Amino acid sequence: MIGSNNSQKNILTRSDGATIAYDRIKGDGPGVVFLHGLKSDRGGTKAAHLFQYCAKVGRPFVTFDMFGHGESAGNFIDGSISRWTDDTLDVIDTLTEGPQVLIGSSMGGWVMLQAALARAECIKGLIGIAAAPDFTETLIWEALSPAQRDAFQAEGRLRMPSDYQEDPYDIGLTLIENGRSNLLLNAPIPFAGPVRLLHGLVDEDVPWQVSVKTAECLTSEDVNVTLVKEGKHNLSRPNDLDLLTKTLDAVITKISNP
């Protein structure tokens, strides 16, 4: 999806037969894995920017479509945090070597944290972009009225409006129920490496306070939150993208020279 002479576009087949579409750059030093947000994919602006940047500097990079997104297998309505985390772990285990920095956008920020807990031996740095841990509970379920909750449970799906596509989309009850087994912000999050959390102050989808709460829960002593004035949820303006690559360089330097 992201064209480059230095890229390898391929399909990873999971043990259950489901396929994961990915783009990959081989290079030297710590690698980078980008995790897209809900209803996004590996063809988004931030993924493309990181792809081009890593190709330019010769850094290993992988981005992929999670289950039910983009060109990967599955129906979106059947997706869950656990499934998307499993996709991420398969990608890390199969397509990367050595220390890695995970970059998670919105929902991908939640998956990023779960993957870091599961692969502490190789995940050495984290960058969240409007990271949204626990969003299924705090931003969806808790915002519903009792009548809406009853209808959601009866129908098994909920219609969600979107600022990023013309038509609303459905989420499944599975996403909410599985989310409850993956909640992170009510306890310490054990991670020792550098963490950088970028968040726009005018984010209308995920409040910036979520990044502050995430920073409070992380056990690492090297956690910084950067609030971007006038920054929106996607943080995809040119200056936002410049901030992202500068942040990545700083994290790579940190983990390369502990």
C-alpha atoms as a PDB file:
ATOM      1  CA  MET A   1       0.000   0.000   0.000  1.00  0.00           C
ATOM      2  CA  ILE A   2       2.879   2.370   0.763  1.00  0.00           C
ATOM      3  CA  GLY A   3       5.124   2.201  -2.263  1.00  0.00           C
ATOM      4  CA  SER A   4       8.910   2.319  -2.014  1.00  0.00           C
ATOM      5  CA  ASN A   5      11.842   0.695  -3.773  1.00  0.00           C
ATOM      6  CA  ASN A   6      13.176  -0.368  -0.377  1.00  0.00           C
ATOM      7  CA  SER A   7       9.933  -1.907   0.827  1.00  0.00           C
ATOM      8  CA  GLN A   8       8.650  -5.433   1.042  1.00  0.00           C
ATOM      9  CA  LYS A   9       4.872  -5.613   0.854  1.00  0.00           C
ATOM     10  CA  ASN A  10       3.571  -8.969   1.899  1.00  0.00           C
ATOM     11  CA  ILE A  11       0.959 -11.058   3.661  1.00  0.00           C
ATOM     12  CA  LEU A  12       1.536 -12.733   7.015  1.00  0.00           C
ATOM     13  CA  THR A  13      -0.693 -15.757   7.639  1.00  0.00           C
ATOM     14  CA  ARG A  14      -1.623 -16.435  11.246  1.00  0.00           C
ATOM     15  CA  SER A  15      -1.961 -19.903  12.763  1.00  0.00           C
ATOM     16  CA  ASP A  16      -5.760 -19.753  12.370  1.00  0.00           C
ATOM     17  CA  GLY A  17      -5.435 -18.986   8.654  1.00  0.00           C
ATOM     18  CA  ALA A  18      -6.285 -15.295   8.907  1.00  0.00           C
ATOM     19  CA  THR A  19      -4.047 -13.002   6.893  1.00  0.00           C
ATOM     20  CA  ILE A  20      -2.359  -9.757   7.906  1.00  0.00           C
ATOM     21  CA  ALA A  21      -1.367  -7.280   5.187  1.00  0.00           C
ATOM     22  CA  TYR A  22       1.799  -5.375   5.986  1.00  0.00           C
ATOM     23  CA  ASP A  23       4.511  -3.092   4.615  1.00  0.00           C
ATOM     24  CA  ARG A  24       8.070  -3.529   5.784  1.00  0.00           C
ATOM     25  CA  ILE A  25      11.450  -1.846   5.481  1.00  0.00           C
ATOM     26  CA  LYS A  26      14.642  -3.628   6.420  1.00  0.00           C
ATOM     27  CA  GLY A  27      17.405  -1.584   8.002  1.00  0.00           C
ATOM     28  CA  ASP A  28      19.857  -1.289  10.850  1.00  0.00           C
ATOM     29  CA  GLY A  29      19.449  -0.606  14.559  1.00  0.00           C
ATOM     30  CA  PRO A  30      16.300  -0.554  16.685  1.00  0.00           C
ATOM     31  CA  GLY A  31      13.135  -1.087  14.664  1.00  0.00           C
ATOM     32  CA  VAL A  32       9.821   0.752  14.598  1.00  0.00           C
ATOM     33  CA  VAL A  33       6.330  -0.779  14.505  1.00  0.00           C
ATOM     34  CA  PHE A  34       3.363   1.521  13.817  1.00  0.00           C
ATOM     35  CA  LEU A  35      -0.107   0.587  15.108  1.00  0.00           C
ATOM     36  CA  HIS A  36      -3.022   2.382  13.440  1.00  0.00           C
ATOM     37  CA  GLY A  37      -6.227   3.538  15.077  1.00  0.00           C
ATOM     38  CA  LEU A  38      -9.799   2.260  15.009  1.00  0.00           C
ATOM     39  CA  LYS A  39     -11.229   2.148  11.455  1.00  0.00           C
ATOM     40  CA  SER A  40      -7.911   3.324  10.060  1.00  0.00           C
ATOM     41  CA  ASP A  41      -5.235   1.254   8.316  1.00  0.00           C
ATOM     42  CA  ARG A  42      -1.600   1.157   7.297  1.00  0.00           C
ATOM     43  CA  GLY A  43      -2.226   3.608   4.444  1.00  0.00           C
ATOM     44  CA  GLY A  44      -2.878   6.584   6.722  1.00  0.00           C
ATOM     45  CA  THR A  45      -0.908   9.819   6.799  1.00  0.00           C
ATOM     46  CA  LYS A  46       1.167   9.007   9.887  1.00  0.00           C
ATOM     47  CA  ALA A  47       2.042   5.516   8.656  1.00  0.00           C
ATOM     48  CA  ALA A  48       3.110   6.917   5.274  1.00  0.00           C
ATOM     49  CA  HIS A  49       5.195   9.641   6.900  1.00  0.00           C
ATOM     50  CA  LEU A  50       6.974   7.162   9.168  1.00  0.00           C
ATOM     51  CA  PHE A  51       7.520   4.771   6.270  1.00  0.00           C
ATOM     52  CA  GLN A  52       9.176   7.471   4.188  1.00  0.00           C
ATOM     53  CA  TYR A  53      11.236   8.708   7.107  1.00  0.00           C
ATOM     54  CA  CYS A  54      12.497   5.274   8.118  1.00  0.00           C
ATOM     55  CA  ALA A  55      13.326   4.456   4.489  1.00  0.00           C
ATOM     56  CA  LYS A  56      15.328   7.669   4.270  1.00  0.00           C
ATOM     57  CA  VAL A  57      17.400   6.996   7.385  1.00  0.00           C
ATOM     58  CA  GLY A  58      17.669   3.229   6.902  1.00  0.00           C
ATOM     59  CA  ARG A  59      15.681   2.220   9.963  1.00  0.00           C
ATOM     60  CA  PRO A  60      13.686  -1.045  10.163  1.00  0.00           C
ATOM     61  CA  PHE A  61       9.962  -0.342  10.021  1.00  0.00           C
ATOM     62  CA  VAL A  62       6.764  -2.368   9.908  1.00  0.00           C
ATOM     63  CA  THR A  63       3.173  -1.216   9.623  1.00  0.00           C
ATOM     64  CA  PHE A  64       0.186  -3.490   9.107  1.00  0.00           C
ATOM     65  CA  ASP A  65      -3.589  -3.693   8.946  1.00  0.00           C
ATOM     66  CA  MET A  66      -5.146  -5.208  12.040  1.00  0.00           C
ATOM     67  CA  PHE A  67      -7.928  -7.803  11.849  1.00  0.00           C
ATOM     68  CA  GLY A  68     -10.983  -6.360  10.080  1.00  0.00           C
ATOM     69  CA  HIS A  69      -9.092  -3.312   8.810  1.00  0.00           C
ATOM     70  CA  GLY A  70      -7.639  -2.409   5.435  1.00  0.00           C
ATOM     71  CA  GLU A  71      -6.478  -5.387   3.404  1.00  0.00           C
ATOM     72  CA  SER A  72      -6.263  -7.839   6.295  1.00  0.00           C
ATOM     73  CA  ALA A  73      -8.742 -10.649   6.883  1.00  0.00           C
ATOM     74  CA  GLY A  74     -11.800 -10.488   9.114  1.00  0.00           C
ATOM     75  CA  ASN A  75     -14.914  -8.431   9.685  1.00  0.00           C
ATOM     76  CA  PHE A  76     -14.384  -5.246  11.663  1.00  0.00           C
ATOM     77  CA  ILE A  77     -17.429  -5.881  13.850  1.00  0.00           C
ATOM     78  CA  ASP A  78     -15.786  -9.083  15.145  1.00  0.00           C
ATOM     79  CA  GLY A  79     -12.625  -7.278  16.212  1.00  0.00           C
ATOM     80  CA  SER A  80     -11.418  -6.790  19.770  1.00  0.00           C
ATOM     81  CA  ILE A  81      -8.466  -5.439  21.718  1.00  0.00           C
ATOM     82  CA  SER A  82      -7.287  -8.990  22.384  1.00  0.00           C
ATOM     83  CA  ARG A  83      -7.452  -9.915  18.690  1.00  0.00           C
ATOM     84  CA  TRP A  84      -5.614  -6.773  17.603  1.00  0.00           C
ATOM     85  CA  THR A  85      -2.989  -7.329  20.294  1.00  0.00           C
ATOM     86  CA  ASP A  86      -2.511 -10.896  19.068  1.00  0.00           C
ATOM     87  CA  ASP A  87      -2.039  -9.567  15.524  1.00  0.00           C
ATOM     88  CA  THR A  88       0.605  -7.190  16.835  1.00  0.00           C
ATOM     89  CA  LEU A  89       2.443  -9.918  18.716  1.00  0.00           C
ATOM     90  CA  ASP A  90       2.492 -12.113  15.600  1.00  0.00           C
ATOM     91  CA  VAL A  91       3.948  -9.225  13.595  1.00  0.00           C
ATOM     92  CA  ILE A  92       6.584  -8.528  16.256  1.00  0.00           C
ATOM     93  CA  ASP A  93       7.537 -12.189  16.613  1.00  0.00           C
ATOM     94  CA  THR A  94       7.676 -12.896  12.887  1.00  0.00           C
ATOM     95  CA  LEU A  95       8.749  -9.690  11.177  1.00  0.00           C
ATOM     96  CA  THR A  96      11.091  -7.928  13.610  1.00  0.00           C
ATOM     97  CA  GLU A  97      14.450  -8.570  15.234  1.00  0.00           C
ATOM     98  CA  GLY A  98      16.075  -6.954  18.242  1.00  0.00           C
ATOM     99  CA  PRO A  99      14.823  -3.933  20.198  1.00  0.00           C
ATOM    100  CA  GLN A 100      11.695  -2.209  18.943  1.00  0.00           C
ATOM    101  CA  VAL A 101       9.871   1.080  19.438  1.00  0.00           C
ATOM    102  CA  LEU A 102       6.083   0.816  19.204  1.00  0.00           C
ATOM    103  CA  ILE A 103       4.110   3.820  17.966  1.00  0.00           C
ATOM    104  CA  GLY A 104       0.386   3.574  18.642  1.00  0.00           C
ATOM    105  CA  SER A 105      -2.271   5.945  17.348  1.00  0.00           C
ATOM    106  CA  SER A 106      -5.535   6.233  19.310  1.00  0.00           C
ATOM    107  CA  MET A 107      -6.840   2.651  19.650  1.00  0.00           C
ATOM    108  CA  GLY A 108      -3.370   1.556  18.556  1.00  0.00           C
ATOM    109  CA  GLY A 109      -2.040   3.239  21.689  1.00  0.00           C
ATOM    110  CA  TRP A 110      -4.027   0.794  23.821  1.00  0.00           C
ATOM    111  CA  VAL A 111      -2.781  -2.150  21.769  1.00  0.00           C
ATOM    112  CA  MET A 112       0.740  -0.724  22.052  1.00  0.00           C
ATOM    113  CA  LEU A 113       0.598  -0.902  25.848  1.00  0.00           C
ATOM    114  CA  GLN A 114      -0.783  -4.440  25.843  1.00  0.00           C
ATOM    115  CA  ALA A 115       1.915  -5.595  23.418  1.00  0.00           C
ATOM    116  CA  ALA A 116       4.627  -3.948  25.509  1.00  0.00           C
ATOM    117  CA  LEU A 117       3.458  -5.879  28.558  1.00  0.00           C
ATOM    118  CA  ALA A 118       3.531  -9.136  26.592  1.00  0.00           C
ATOM    119  CA  ARG A 119       6.932  -8.576  24.931  1.00  0.00           C
ATOM    120  CA  ALA A 120       8.966  -6.677  27.508  1.00  0.00           C
ATOM    121  CA  GLU A 121      12.136  -8.398  26.325  1.00  0.00           C
ATOM    122  CA  CYS A 122      12.106  -6.621  22.946  1.00  0.00           C
ATOM    123  CA  ILE A 123       9.808  -3.588  23.274  1.00  0.00           C
ATOM    124  CA  LYS A 124      12.132  -0.891  24.597  1.00  0.00           C
ATOM    125  CA  GLY A 125      10.318   2.366  23.825  1.00  0.00           C
ATOM    126  CA  LEU A 126       6.771   3.630  23.296  1.00  0.00           C
ATOM    127  CA  ILE A 127       5.232   6.616  21.523  1.00  0.00           C
ATOM    128  CA  GLY A 128       1.517   7.243  21.866  1.00  0.00           C
ATOM    129  CA  ILE A 129      -0.374   9.552  19.516  1.00  0.00           C
ATOM    130  CA  ALA A 130      -3.671  10.454  21.188  1.00  0.00           C
ATOM    131  CA  ALA A 131      -3.408   7.057  22.871  1.00  0.00           C
ATOM    132  CA  ALA A 132      -6.792   5.716  23.944  1.00  0.00           C
ATOM    133  CA  PRO A 133      -6.464   2.929  26.514  1.00  0.00           C
ATOM    134  CA  ASP A 134      -9.799   1.849  28.014  1.00  0.00           C
ATOM    135  CA  PHE A 135     -11.790   3.852  25.432  1.00  0.00           C
ATOM    136  CA  THR A 136     -14.429   1.144  25.015  1.00  0.00           C
ATOM    137  CA  GLU A 137     -15.500   1.625  28.613  1.00  0.00           C
ATOM    138  CA  THR A 138     -14.772   5.263  29.389  1.00  0.00           C
ATOM    139  CA  LEU A 139     -15.550   6.870  26.043  1.00  0.00           C
ATOM    140  CA  ILE A 140     -18.248   4.567  24.633  1.00  0.00           C
ATOM    141  CA  TRP A 141     -20.069   2.495  27.261  1.00  0.00           C
ATOM    142  CA  GLU A 142     -20.121   5.136  30.000  1.00  0.00           C
ATOM    143  CA  ALA A 143     -21.432   7.719  27.511  1.00  0.00           C
ATOM    144  CA  LEU A 144     -24.510   5.642  26.645  1.00  0.00           C
ATOM    145  CA  SER A 145     -27.873   6.106  28.289  1.00  0.00           C
ATOM    146  CA  PRO A 146     -29.517   3.092  29.971  1.00  0.00           C
ATOM    147  CA  ALA A 147     -31.839   2.753  26.978  1.00  0.00           C
ATOM    148  CA  GLN A 148     -28.898   2.808  24.550  1.00  0.00           C
ATOM    149  CA  ARG A 149     -27.091   0.164  26.591  1.00  0.00           C
ATOM    150  CA  ASP A 150     -30.152  -2.065  26.570  1.00  0.00           C
ATOM    151  CA  ALA A 151     -30.497  -1.709  22.798  1.00  0.00           C
ATOM    152  CA  PHE A 152     -26.786  -2.366  22.286  1.00  0.00           C
ATOM    153  CA  GLN A 153     -26.955  -5.555  24.328  1.00  0.00           C
ATOM    154  CA  ALA A 154     -30.118  -6.712  22.579  1.00  0.00           C
ATOM    155  CA  GLU A 155     -28.873  -6.052  19.037  1.00  0.00           C
ATOM    156  CA  GLY A 156     -25.207  -6.911  19.596  1.00  0.00           C
ATOM    157  CA  ARG A 157     -24.028  -3.838  17.705  1.00  0.00           C
ATOM    158  CA  LEU A 158     -23.943  -0.059  18.028  1.00  0.00           C
ATOM    159  CA  ARG A 159     -23.984   2.547  15.250  1.00  0.00           C
ATOM    160  CA  MET A 160     -21.084   4.996  15.631  1.00  0.00           C
ATOM    161  CA  PRO A 161     -20.730   8.332  13.789  1.00  0.00           C
ATOM    162  CA  SER A 162     -17.327   9.214  12.356  1.00  0.00           C
ATOM    163  CA  ASP A 163     -15.575  12.450  11.503  1.00  0.00           C
ATOM    164  CA  TYR A 164     -13.253  10.547   9.170  1.00  0.00           C
ATOM    165  CA  GLN A 165     -15.719   8.823   6.847  1.00  0.00           C
ATOM    166  CA  GLU A 166     -19.081   9.752   5.359  1.00  0.00           C
ATOM    167  CA  ASP A 167     -21.143   6.909   6.791  1.00  0.00           C
ATOM    168  CA  PRO A 168     -21.431   5.746  10.395  1.00  0.00           C
ATOM    169  CA  TYR A 169     -20.052   2.311  11.239  1.00  0.00           C
ATOM    170  CA  ASP A 170     -21.078  -0.494  13.588  1.00  0.00           C
ATOM    171  CA  ILE A 171     -19.080  -1.756  16.533  1.00  0.00           C
ATOM    172  CA  GLY A 172     -19.876  -5.122  18.080  1.00  0.00           C
ATOM    173  CA  LEU A 173     -20.717  -5.894  21.681  1.00  0.00           C
ATOM    174  CA  THR A 174     -17.632  -8.122  21.631  1.00  0.00           C
ATOM    175  CA  LEU A 175     -15.458  -5.001  21.502  1.00  0.00           C
ATOM    176  CA  ILE A 176     -16.990  -3.659  24.712  1.00  0.00           C
ATOM    177  CA  GLU A 177     -16.999  -6.964  26.582  1.00  0.00           C
ATOM    178  CA  ASN A 178     -13.448  -7.849  25.569  1.00  0.00           C
ATOM    179  CA  GLY A 179     -12.310  -4.341  26.375  1.00  0.00           C
ATOM    180  CA  ARG A 180     -13.224  -4.941  30.009  1.00  0.00           C
ATOM    181  CA  SER A 181     -10.651  -7.727  30.227  1.00  0.00           C
ATOM    182  CA  ASN A 182      -7.972  -5.382  28.869  1.00  0.00           C
ATOM    183  CA  LEU A 183      -8.512  -2.256  30.976  1.00  0.00           C
ATOM    184  CA  LEU A 184      -5.238  -0.649  32.092  1.00  0.00           C
ATOM    185  CA  LEU A 185      -5.866   2.683  33.769  1.00  0.00           C
ATOM    186  CA  ASN A 186      -6.979   1.389  37.152  1.00  0.00           C
ATOM    187  CA  ALA A 187      -3.586  -0.044  38.111  1.00  0.00           C
ATOM    188  CA  PRO A 188       0.147   0.465  37.511  1.00  0.00           C
ATOM    189  CA  ILE A 189       1.356  -0.334  33.980  1.00  0.00           C
ATOM    190  CA  PRO A 190       4.768  -1.991  34.366  1.00  0.00           C
ATOM    191  CA  PHE A 191       7.103  -0.702  31.664  1.00  0.00           C
ATOM    192  CA  ALA A 192      10.689   0.400  32.192  1.00  0.00           C
ATOM    193  CA  GLY A 193      11.645   2.149  28.947  1.00  0.00           C
ATOM    194  CA  PRO A 194      11.144   5.690  27.629  1.00  0.00           C
ATOM    195  CA  VAL A 195       7.555   6.651  26.818  1.00  0.00           C
ATOM    196  CA  ARG A 196       6.440   9.739  24.921  1.00  0.00           C
ATOM    197  CA  LEU A 197       2.734  10.586  24.733  1.00  0.00           C
ATOM    198  CA  LEU A 198       1.654  13.176  22.161  1.00  0.00           C
ATOM    199  CA  HIS A 199      -1.858  14.613  22.386  1.00  0.00           C
ATOM    200  CA  GLY A 200      -3.737  17.536  20.841  1.00  0.00           C
ATOM    201  CA  LEU A 201      -5.415  19.997  23.150  1.00  0.00           C
ATOM    202  CA  VAL A 202      -8.448  20.242  20.850  1.00  0.00           C
ATOM    203  CA  ASP A 203      -8.866  16.488  20.408  1.00  0.00           C
ATOM    204  CA  GLU A 204     -12.642  15.939  20.262  1.00  0.00           C
ATOM    205  CA  ASP A 205     -12.417  12.122  20.236  1.00  0.00           C
ATOM    206  CA  VAL A 206     -10.017  11.261  23.065  1.00  0.00           C
ATOM    207  CA  PRO A 207      -9.505  13.881  25.790  1.00  0.00           C
ATOM    208  CA  TRP A 208      -5.877  14.841  26.413  1.00  0.00           C
ATOM    209  CA  GLN A 209      -6.384  13.916  30.049  1.00  0.00           C
ATOM    210  CA  VAL A 210      -6.263  10.255  28.961  1.00  0.00           C
ATOM    211  CA  SER A 211      -2.567  10.668  28.105  1.00  0.00           C
ATOM    212  CA  VAL A 212      -1.920  12.292  31.482  1.00  0.00           C
ATOM    213  CA  LYS A 213      -3.677   9.420  33.244  1.00  0.00           C
ATOM    214  CA  THR A 214      -1.671   6.920  31.189  1.00  0.00           C
ATOM    215  CA  ALA A 215       1.548   8.664  32.198  1.00  0.00           C
ATOM    216  CA  GLU A 216       0.518   8.464  35.847  1.00  0.00           C
ATOM    217  CA  CYS A 217      -0.089   4.711  35.563  1.00  0.00           C
ATOM    218  CA  LEU A 218       3.148   3.853  33.769  1.00  0.00           C
ATOM    219  CA  THR A 219       5.908   2.736  36.146  1.00  0.00           C
ATOM    220  CA  SER A 220       8.754   4.035  33.969  1.00  0.00           C
ATOM    221  CA  GLU A 221      10.582   7.057  35.341  1.00  0.00           C
ATOM    222  CA  ASP A 222      11.096   8.337  31.789  1.00  0.00           C
ATOM    223  CA  VAL A 223       7.606   9.363  30.685  1.00  0.00           C
ATOM    224  CA  ASN A 224       6.813  12.680  29.009  1.00  0.00           C
ATOM    225  CA  VAL A 225       3.464  14.043  27.830  1.00  0.00           C
ATOM    226  CA  THR A 226       3.516  16.627  25.035  1.00  0.00           C
ATOM    227  CA  LEU A 227       0.325  18.614  24.577  1.00  0.00           C
ATOM    228  CA  VAL A 228      -0.032  20.201  21.152  1.00  0.00           C
ATOM    229  CA  LYS A 229      -1.941  23.485  21.120  1.00  0.00           C
ATOM    230  CA  GLU A 230      -4.534  23.463  18.313  1.00  0.00           C
ATOM    231  CA  GLY A 231      -3.709  19.797  17.753  1.00  0.00           C
ATOM    232  CA  LYS A 232      -6.652  17.606  16.755  1.00  0.00           C
ATOM    233  CA  HIS A 233      -7.136  13.885  17.270  1.00  0.00           C
ATOM    234  CA  ASN A 234      -5.225  12.709  14.216  1.00  0.00           C
ATOM    235  CA  LEU A 235      -2.171  14.961  14.741  1.00  0.00           C
ATOM    236  CA  SER A 236      -1.405  14.754  11.024  1.00  0.00           C
ATOM    237  CA  ARG A 237      -0.495  18.335  10.140  1.00  0.00           C
ATOM    238  CA  PRO A 238       3.070  18.863   8.830  1.00  0.00           C
ATOM    239  CA  ASN A 239       4.259  20.256  12.167  1.00  0.00           C
ATOM    240  CA  ASP A 240       2.623  17.322  13.992  1.00  0.00           C
ATOM    241  CA  LEU A 241       4.453  14.867  11.742  1.00  0.00           C
ATOM    242  CA  ASP A 242       7.739  16.703  12.309  1.00  0.00           C
ATOM    243  CA  LEU A 243       7.152  16.420  16.052  1.00  0.00           C
ATOM    244  CA  LEU A 244       6.528  12.700  15.648  1.00  0.00           C
ATOM    245  CA  THR A 245       9.802  12.006  13.837  1.00  0.00           C
ATOM    246  CA  LYS A 246      11.795  14.197  16.233  1.00  0.00           C
ATOM    247  CA  THR A 247      10.216  12.299  19.113  1.00  0.00           C
ATOM    248  CA  LEU A 248      11.083   8.996  17.467  1.00  0.00           C
ATOM    249  CA  ASP A 249      14.711  10.069  17.005  1.00  0.00           C
ATOM    250  CA  ALA A 250      14.924  11.016  20.675  1.00  0.00           C
ATOM    251  CA  VAL A 251      13.488   7.683  21.822  1.00  0.00           C
ATOM    252  CA  ILE A 252      15.816   5.738  19.513  1.00  0.00           C
ATOM    253  CA  THR A 253      18.767   7.644  20.966  1.00  0.00           C
ATOM    254  CA  LYS A 254      17.582   6.819  24.482  1.00  0.00           C
ATOM    255  CA  ILE A 255      17.321   3.098  23.926  1.00  0.00           C
ATOM    256  CA  SER A 256      20.543   2.956  21.918  1.00  0.00           C
ATOM    257  CA  ASN A 257      22.521   4.677  24.681  1.00  0.00           C
ATOM    258  CA  PRO A 258      20.947   3.540  27.955  1.00  0.00           C
END
